Amino acid sequence: MSELNTYLKQLNKAHDDYEAKFGKGSLDDVIPYFDPVNPEIDNVQEGIRILRDAIENNKPLPKFSNDLKSDIIY
């Protein structure tokens, strides 16, 4: 298994832990905490850290406002 895949599994675990703490779907509309299109080890490690810090500090990640959501083009 590649090093990147190892970190992606850790990111998935952190994601699941976040949803266990804050509720299913709690990461919907959250401001991105890593680049899912071009994942790199540093980028994924930062995402893991952000999720774990939010869990540890009992502080959910910020979400997009309704106005900003309507301006996003995917």
C-alpha atoms as a PDB file:
ATOM      1  CA  MET A   1       0.000   0.000   0.000  1.00  0.00           C
ATOM      2  CA  SER A   2       1.341   3.444  -0.858  1.00  0.00           C
ATOM      3  CA  GLU A   3       2.068   6.036   1.790  1.00  0.00           C
ATOM      4  CA  LEU A   4      -0.684   8.269   0.375  1.00  0.00           C
ATOM      5  CA  ASN A   5      -3.236   5.455   0.681  1.00  0.00           C
ATOM      6  CA  THR A   6      -2.218   4.937   4.302  1.00  0.00           C
ATOM      7  CA  TYR A   7      -2.930   8.601   5.043  1.00  0.00           C
ATOM      8  CA  LEU A   8      -6.188   8.520   3.097  1.00  0.00           C
ATOM      9  CA  LYS A   9      -7.358   5.638   5.317  1.00  0.00           C
ATOM     10  CA  GLN A  10      -6.421   7.733   8.370  1.00  0.00           C
ATOM     11  CA  LEU A  11      -8.369  10.647   6.891  1.00  0.00           C
ATOM     12  CA  ASN A  12     -11.428   8.402   6.425  1.00  0.00           C
ATOM     13  CA  LYS A  13     -11.108   7.294  10.064  1.00  0.00           C
ATOM     14  CA  ALA A  14     -10.868  10.931  11.215  1.00  0.00           C
ATOM     15  CA  HIS A  15     -13.932  11.726   9.070  1.00  0.00           C
ATOM     16  CA  ASP A  16     -15.879   8.883  10.698  1.00  0.00           C
ATOM     17  CA  ASP A  17     -14.735   9.980  14.170  1.00  0.00           C
ATOM     18  CA  TYR A  18     -15.834  13.564  13.409  1.00  0.00           C
ATOM     19  CA  GLU A  19     -19.292  12.386  12.349  1.00  0.00           C
ATOM     20  CA  ALA A  20     -19.519  10.167  15.425  1.00  0.00           C
ATOM     21  CA  LYS A  21     -18.829  13.245  17.570  1.00  0.00           C
ATOM     22  CA  PHE A  22     -20.907  15.875  15.740  1.00  0.00           C
ATOM     23  CA  GLY A  23     -23.526  13.753  13.964  1.00  0.00           C
ATOM     24  CA  LYS A  24     -23.948  12.081  10.609  1.00  0.00           C
ATOM     25  CA  GLY A  25     -23.789  14.630   7.806  1.00  0.00           C
ATOM     26  CA  SER A  26     -22.008  17.159  10.017  1.00  0.00           C
ATOM     27  CA  LEU A  27     -19.310  17.558   7.367  1.00  0.00           C
ATOM     28  CA  ASP A  28     -21.875  18.531   4.723  1.00  0.00           C
ATOM     29  CA  ASP A  29     -21.284  22.124   3.586  1.00  0.00           C
ATOM     30  CA  VAL A  30     -18.066  22.384   5.641  1.00  0.00           C
ATOM     31  CA  ILE A  31     -15.385  24.633   4.197  1.00  0.00           C
ATOM     32  CA  PRO A  32     -12.875  22.186   2.626  1.00  0.00           C
ATOM     33  CA  TYR A  33     -10.193  20.958   4.997  1.00  0.00           C
ATOM     34  CA  PHE A  34      -8.100  19.220   2.291  1.00  0.00           C
ATOM     35  CA  ASP A  35      -7.905  19.079  -1.514  1.00  0.00           C
ATOM     36  CA  PRO A  36      -9.869  15.985  -2.622  1.00  0.00           C
ATOM     37  CA  VAL A  37      -9.084  16.553  -6.309  1.00  0.00           C
ATOM     38  CA  ASN A  38      -5.285  16.561  -5.934  1.00  0.00           C
ATOM     39  CA  PRO A  39      -4.565  14.793  -2.657  1.00  0.00           C
ATOM     40  CA  GLU A  40      -0.947  14.933  -1.564  1.00  0.00           C
ATOM     41  CA  ILE A  41       0.497  13.556   1.649  1.00  0.00           C
ATOM     42  CA  ASP A  42       1.036  16.983   3.262  1.00  0.00           C
ATOM     43  CA  ASN A  43      -2.446  18.099   2.280  1.00  0.00           C
ATOM     44  CA  VAL A  44      -4.098  14.936   3.626  1.00  0.00           C
ATOM     45  CA  GLN A  45      -2.060  15.082   6.857  1.00  0.00           C
ATOM     46  CA  GLU A  46      -3.306  18.640   7.383  1.00  0.00           C
ATOM     47  CA  GLY A  47      -6.896  17.477   6.860  1.00  0.00           C
ATOM     48  CA  ILE A  48      -6.417  14.749   9.462  1.00  0.00           C
ATOM     49  CA  ARG A  49      -4.983  17.283  11.909  1.00  0.00           C
ATOM     50  CA  ILE A  50      -7.868  19.706  11.340  1.00  0.00           C
ATOM     51  CA  LEU A  51     -10.497  17.015  11.955  1.00  0.00           C
ATOM     52  CA  ARG A  52      -8.741  15.658  15.039  1.00  0.00           C
ATOM     53  CA  ASP A  53      -8.308  19.169  16.486  1.00  0.00           C
ATOM     54  CA  ALA A  54     -12.024  19.876  15.969  1.00  0.00           C
ATOM     55  CA  ILE A  55     -12.923  16.643  17.751  1.00  0.00           C
ATOM     56  CA  GLU A  56     -10.459  17.203  20.594  1.00  0.00           C
ATOM     57  CA  ASN A  57     -11.582  20.797  21.145  1.00  0.00           C
ATOM     58  CA  ASN A  58     -15.288  19.967  20.693  1.00  0.00           C
ATOM     59  CA  LYS A  59     -15.492  22.704  18.072  1.00  0.00           C
ATOM     60  CA  PRO A  60     -17.203  21.888  14.738  1.00  0.00           C
ATOM     61  CA  LEU A  61     -15.609  23.117  11.532  1.00  0.00           C
ATOM     62  CA  PRO A  62     -17.041  26.255   9.900  1.00  0.00           C
ATOM     63  CA  LYS A  63     -19.666  25.788   7.204  1.00  0.00           C
ATOM     64  CA  PHE A  64     -20.365  27.714   4.017  1.00  0.00           C
ATOM     65  CA  SER A  65     -23.054  30.344   4.368  1.00  0.00           C
ATOM     66  CA  ASN A  66     -26.150  29.911   2.200  1.00  0.00           C
ATOM     67  CA  ASP A  67     -25.096  32.915   0.100  1.00  0.00           C
ATOM     68  CA  LEU A  68     -21.643  31.506  -0.518  1.00  0.00           C
ATOM     69  CA  LYS A  69     -22.985  28.013  -1.287  1.00  0.00           C
ATOM     70  CA  SER A  70     -25.058  29.404  -4.149  1.00  0.00           C
ATOM     71  CA  ASP A  71     -21.931  30.969  -5.706  1.00  0.00           C
ATOM     72  CA  ILE A  72     -19.875  27.753  -5.772  1.00  0.00           C
ATOM     73  CA  ILE A  73     -19.463  26.045  -9.111  1.00  0.00           C
ATOM     74  CA  TYR A  74     -18.427  22.393  -9.105  1.00  0.00           C
END
